[in-house]
Amino acid sequence: MNIVVCIKQVPDAASVKWDHEKGTLIRDGVQSVINPFDYNAIEAALSLKDQLGGKVTAVTMGPPQAQDAIREAMSMGVDAGVVVSDRAFAGADTLATTYTLSMAIKKLGTVDAVLCGKQAIDGDTAQVGPGLAVRLDIPCVTCIGEMEVIGGGKALRVKRMCEQGYDIIEVAFPVLLTVLASLNTPRVPSLKGKMRARKADIPLWSADDIGADKQKIGLVGSPTKVFSTHIPKFEARREMLQGSVEEQVEALIEKFKEAGII
């Protein structure tokens, strides 16, 4: 079984700082980490491999230092990895990102399963997983909270969590799944895995390497444009109401009316 897990490096939320004048993140000196939901995707991919055999390949798009994310995934048990890296990919929105990742995955050959985290904590769009499934022309099930291999290893029964409760879905391979943190507990990297990952040769694939159409990648291939950003300011005021309980209630109602709440 050929399994692909898509991961992404994101700024460490614990050390993120803002430029309040520009309304942007200050990335200098901020450590990059694997997107938290992607750890669960890695574990799900490894779980499938444990049950069905095969190979797990981690794929990420980013600068050359994204090799660190691949090495960490390999230390957990992932067999191989590749970084799709090219200056032409800069500024990609989710449409261009899914195109680029799909071209890289197609270069890997026939794929039986693609695992993604529910969403990335920096963009929070949750669009890349479903969009990638469309690009690969395979079924997609999102927000997976439980997963079970059925049909002699030819299909999965999954619990898809939703606002109204959950759906039980049976789907045959090939399939793309986006997973929740509740699905599993990611395994701890082993010493042997760390040593193997340190020595691993992790290729960097350019736009030419994956045969990408230059009009569909990066800023050029991104119909979504960000014209400005700002950081909302929150101001809290406190006022103590005096008098009896009845008087305080009346005063509170008046305050609500003034604020347009009632």
Protein backbone atom coordinates (compact mmCIF):
# COMPACT_ATOMS: atom_id res chain seq x y z
CA MET A 1 0.00 0.00 0.00
CA ASN A 2 1.30 3.41 -1.00
CA ILE A 3 0.34 5.98 1.67
CA VAL A 4 1.05 9.71 1.55
CA VAL A 5 0.79 12.08 4.48
CA CYS A 6 0.77 15.82 3.80
CA ILE A 7 2.34 17.99 6.48
CA LYS A 8 3.08 21.68 6.89
CA GLN A 9 5.50 23.78 8.89
CA VAL A 10 3.77 26.59 10.80
CA PRO A 11 5.01 29.25 13.24
CA ASP A 12 5.15 28.04 16.83
CA ALA A 13 2.01 29.56 18.36
CA ALA A 14 3.76 29.92 21.71
CA SER A 15 6.30 32.37 20.28
CA VAL A 16 4.23 34.27 17.70
CA LYS A 17 4.51 38.07 17.82
CA TRP A 18 2.62 40.73 15.88
CA ASP A 19 3.69 43.86 14.04
CA HIS A 20 0.75 46.05 15.10
CA GLU A 21 1.54 48.74 12.53
CA LYS A 22 1.66 46.38 9.54
CA GLY A 23 -0.85 43.87 10.90
CA THR A 24 1.44 40.96 10.09
CA LEU A 25 3.25 38.19 11.90
CA ILE A 26 6.85 38.78 12.90
CA ARG A 27 8.45 35.60 11.61
CA ASP A 28 12.09 36.50 12.30
CA GLY A 29 13.33 34.41 15.19
CA VAL A 30 10.06 32.46 15.43
CA GLN A 31 10.56 28.71 15.46
CA SER A 32 8.68 26.63 12.90
CA VAL A 33 6.98 23.40 13.97
CA ILE A 34 4.85 20.73 12.34
CA ASN A 35 1.21 21.75 12.28
CA PRO A 36 -0.34 20.05 15.37
CA PHE A 37 -3.15 18.29 13.45
CA ASP A 38 -0.55 16.84 11.07
CA TYR A 39 0.93 14.72 13.88
CA ASN A 40 -2.39 12.90 14.03
CA ALA A 41 -2.32 12.47 10.24
CA ILE A 42 1.17 10.97 10.53
CA GLU A 43 -0.02 8.55 13.20
CA ALA A 44 -3.05 7.59 11.09
CA ALA A 45 -0.81 6.88 8.11
CA LEU A 46 1.56 4.78 10.22
CA SER A 47 -1.40 2.90 11.70
CA LEU A 48 -2.58 1.97 8.21
CA LYS A 49 0.92 0.80 7.35
CA ASP A 50 1.07 -1.31 10.54
CA GLN A 51 -2.17 -3.05 9.57
CA LEU A 52 -1.83 -3.29 5.80
CA GLY A 53 1.88 -3.00 5.09
CA GLY A 54 3.35 -0.76 2.44
CA LYS A 55 5.16 2.57 2.54
CA VAL A 56 4.44 5.98 4.02
CA THR A 57 5.81 9.08 2.29
CA ALA A 58 5.58 12.56 3.82
CA VAL A 59 5.12 15.49 1.44
CA THR A 60 5.36 19.17 2.29
CA MET A 61 5.61 22.43 0.36
CA GLY A 62 7.89 25.12 1.70
CA PRO A 63 11.44 26.47 1.86
CA PRO A 64 14.41 24.08 2.08
CA GLN A 65 14.33 24.18 5.90
CA ALA A 66 11.03 22.29 5.70
CA GLN A 67 13.30 19.25 5.48
CA ASP A 68 13.35 19.45 9.28
CA ALA A 69 9.62 18.64 9.33
CA ILE A 70 10.19 15.65 7.05
CA ARG A 71 13.00 14.39 9.28
CA GLU A 72 10.77 14.64 12.34
CA ALA A 73 8.05 12.65 10.54
CA MET A 74 10.64 10.05 9.57
CA SER A 75 11.81 9.79 13.17
CA MET A 76 8.25 8.74 14.03
CA GLY A 77 8.32 5.96 11.43
CA VAL A 78 7.57 7.54 8.05
CA ASP A 79 9.63 5.76 5.37
CA ALA A 80 10.53 8.65 3.07
CA GLY A 81 9.73 12.27 2.34
CA VAL A 82 10.03 15.06 -0.14
CA VAL A 83 9.95 18.86 0.05
CA VAL A 84 8.33 20.68 -2.86
CA SER A 85 10.39 23.86 -2.85
CA ASP A 86 10.69 26.63 -5.42
CA ARG A 87 10.57 30.43 -5.25
CA ALA A 88 7.81 30.20 -7.86
CA PHE A 89 5.55 28.61 -5.21
CA ALA A 90 5.68 31.71 -2.98
CA GLY A 91 2.39 33.45 -2.26
CA ALA A 92 0.27 30.40 -3.08
CA ASP A 93 -3.31 30.34 -1.82
CA THR A 94 -5.13 27.06 -1.18
CA LEU A 95 -6.03 26.60 -4.87
CA ALA A 96 -2.42 26.89 -6.00
CA THR A 97 -1.22 24.84 -3.03
CA THR A 98 -3.51 21.92 -3.83
CA TYR A 99 -2.38 21.98 -7.45
CA THR A 100 1.29 21.92 -6.45
CA LEU A 101 0.84 19.14 -3.90
CA SER A 102 -1.23 17.08 -6.31
CA MET A 103 1.50 17.27 -8.95
CA ALA A 104 4.07 16.12 -6.39
CA ILE A 105 1.88 13.22 -5.25
CA LYS A 106 1.25 12.15 -8.86
CA LYS A 107 5.02 12.05 -9.35
CA LEU A 108 5.20 9.49 -6.53
CA GLY A 109 3.04 7.08 -8.52
CA THR A 110 -0.23 5.35 -7.69
CA VAL A 111 -1.42 6.29 -4.20
CA ASP A 112 -3.87 4.28 -2.09
CA ALA A 113 -4.43 6.73 0.75
CA VAL A 114 -3.64 10.38 1.47
CA LEU A 115 -3.79 11.62 5.07
CA CYS A 116 -4.01 15.29 6.07
CA GLY A 117 -4.59 17.13 9.32
CA LYS A 118 -8.01 18.73 9.71
CA GLN A 119 -6.54 22.16 9.03
CA ALA A 120 -3.42 24.25 9.52
CA ILE A 121 -3.37 26.51 12.56
CA ASP A 122 -1.92 29.45 10.60
CA GLY A 123 -4.54 29.65 7.83
CA ASP A 124 -7.42 27.70 9.43
CA THR A 125 -9.14 27.27 6.06
CA ALA A 126 -9.45 23.44 6.10
CA GLN A 127 -9.53 23.68 2.28
CA VAL A 128 -6.32 21.92 1.26
CA GLY A 129 -7.45 18.37 2.09
CA PRO A 130 -10.73 18.44 0.14
CA GLY A 131 -9.17 20.49 -2.65
CA LEU A 132 -6.34 18.00 -2.99
CA ALA A 133 -8.84 15.13 -3.25
CA VAL A 134 -10.53 16.92 -6.15
CA ARG A 135 -7.17 17.39 -7.87
CA LEU A 136 -6.36 13.68 -7.41
CA ASP A 137 -9.90 12.62 -8.37
CA ILE A 138 -10.38 10.40 -5.30
CA PRO A 139 -13.07 10.32 -2.58
CA CYS A 140 -12.60 12.54 0.47
CA VAL A 141 -13.92 12.20 4.01
CA THR A 142 -13.17 15.04 6.44
CA CYS A 143 -12.99 15.42 10.24
CA ILE A 144 -12.30 11.77 11.01
CA GLY A 145 -12.62 10.86 14.69
CA GLU A 146 -12.43 7.05 14.34
CA MET A 147 -11.03 4.75 11.67
CA GLU A 148 -11.26 0.99 11.11
CA VAL A 149 -9.92 -1.19 8.30
CA ILE A 150 -12.62 -3.43 6.76
CA GLY A 151 -13.24 -5.53 3.66
CA GLY A 152 -10.05 -7.53 3.99
CA GLY A 153 -7.95 -4.39 3.82
CA LYS A 154 -9.71 -2.93 0.81
CA ALA A 155 -11.81 -0.28 2.57
CA LEU A 156 -12.26 1.80 5.71
CA ARG A 157 -15.12 2.45 8.08
CA VAL A 158 -14.74 5.94 9.55
CA LYS A 159 -16.63 8.17 11.94
CA ARG A 160 -16.96 11.65 10.50
CA MET A 161 -17.66 14.19 13.22
CA CYS A 162 -20.06 17.03 12.39
CA GLU A 163 -22.09 19.69 14.16
CA GLN A 164 -25.17 17.47 14.41
CA GLY A 165 -23.25 14.47 15.78
CA TYR A 166 -21.42 12.06 13.49
CA ASP A 167 -21.72 10.01 10.30
CA ILE A 168 -20.49 6.44 9.84
CA ILE A 169 -19.06 6.12 6.35
CA GLU A 170 -17.57 3.15 4.52
CA VAL A 171 -15.18 4.06 1.74
CA ALA A 172 -12.90 1.99 -0.49
CA PHE A 173 -9.30 2.84 -1.33
CA PRO A 174 -8.01 5.10 -2.79
CA VAL A 175 -9.23 7.81 -0.45
CA LEU A 176 -8.16 11.08 1.16
CA LEU A 177 -8.91 11.62 4.84
CA THR A 178 -8.55 14.70 7.02
CA VAL A 179 -8.23 13.75 10.68
CA LEU A 180 -9.01 15.25 14.06
CA ALA A 181 -6.78 15.33 17.11
CA SER A 182 -9.22 12.96 18.84
CA LEU A 183 -8.48 10.18 16.33
CA ASN A 184 -5.28 8.99 17.99
CA THR A 185 -2.26 9.75 20.13
CA PRO A 186 0.84 10.32 17.96
CA ARG A 187 3.70 7.96 18.75
CA VAL A 188 6.98 9.20 20.21
CA PRO A 189 9.98 9.22 17.86
CA SER A 190 12.41 6.38 18.53
CA LEU A 191 16.19 6.72 18.83
CA LYS A 192 16.59 4.44 15.83
CA GLY A 193 14.12 6.57 13.91
CA LYS A 194 15.96 9.77 14.78
CA MET A 195 19.27 8.32 13.62
CA ARG A 196 17.76 7.13 10.35
CA ALA A 197 16.05 10.48 9.76
CA ARG A 198 19.28 12.38 10.38
CA LYS A 199 21.05 10.46 7.62
CA ALA A 200 18.12 10.42 5.20
CA ASP A 201 18.39 12.01 1.78
CA ILE A 202 15.35 14.28 1.42
CA PRO A 203 14.94 15.59 -2.13
CA LEU A 204 13.83 19.12 -3.00
CA TRP A 205 11.47 19.13 -5.96
CA SER A 206 11.17 22.29 -8.03
CA ALA A 207 8.26 23.33 -10.25
CA ASP A 208 10.08 21.78 -13.20
CA ASP A 209 10.69 18.54 -11.31
CA ILE A 210 6.95 17.98 -10.80
CA GLY A 211 5.98 19.25 -14.26
CA ALA A 212 3.91 22.12 -12.88
CA ASP A 213 2.18 24.67 -15.09
CA LYS A 214 3.78 27.98 -14.10
CA GLN A 215 0.41 29.74 -14.48
CA LYS A 216 -1.15 27.57 -11.75
CA ILE A 217 1.41 27.95 -8.97
CA GLY A 218 2.42 30.59 -6.48
CA LEU A 219 1.04 34.11 -6.58
CA VAL A 220 0.31 33.91 -10.31
CA GLY A 221 -1.96 30.91 -9.85
CA SER A 222 -3.73 32.27 -6.78
CA PRO A 223 -7.07 34.02 -7.37
CA THR A 224 -7.28 34.88 -3.66
CA LYS A 225 -5.60 38.21 -2.90
CA VAL A 226 -4.92 39.69 0.55
CA PHE A 227 -5.10 43.47 0.25
CA SER A 228 -4.71 44.31 3.92
CA THR A 229 -4.76 42.82 7.38
CA HIS A 230 -5.29 44.30 10.80
CA ILE A 231 -5.25 43.19 14.40
CA PRO A 232 -8.55 43.93 16.16
CA LYS A 233 -8.32 45.90 19.37
CA PHE A 234 -10.40 44.83 22.32
CA GLU A 235 -11.30 47.36 24.98
CA ALA A 236 -13.09 46.28 28.14
CA ARG A 237 -14.80 48.72 30.46
CA ARG A 238 -16.22 47.95 33.87
CA GLU A 239 -18.96 49.79 35.68
CA MET A 240 -20.30 48.95 39.13
CA LEU A 241 -24.06 49.28 39.54
CA GLN A 242 -25.29 50.65 42.86
CA GLY A 243 -28.53 50.34 44.76
CA SER A 244 -30.88 47.52 45.59
CA VAL A 245 -31.15 44.38 43.48
CA GLU A 246 -34.24 45.78 41.73
CA GLU A 247 -32.48 49.08 41.01
CA GLN A 248 -29.43 47.30 39.67
CA VAL A 249 -31.57 45.13 37.39
CA GLU A 250 -33.36 48.20 36.02
CA ALA A 251 -30.05 49.96 35.47
CA LEU A 252 -28.63 46.89 33.71
CA ILE A 253 -31.64 46.71 31.41
CA GLU A 254 -31.14 50.37 30.49
CA LYS A 255 -27.49 49.67 29.71
CA PHE A 256 -28.52 46.80 27.43
CA LYS A 257 -30.97 49.08 25.64
CA GLU A 258 -28.32 51.74 25.15
CA ALA A 259 -25.98 49.13 23.68
CA GLY A 260 -28.70 47.84 21.35
CA ILE A 261 -28.61 44.37 22.89
CA ILE A 262 -32.34 44.47 23.69
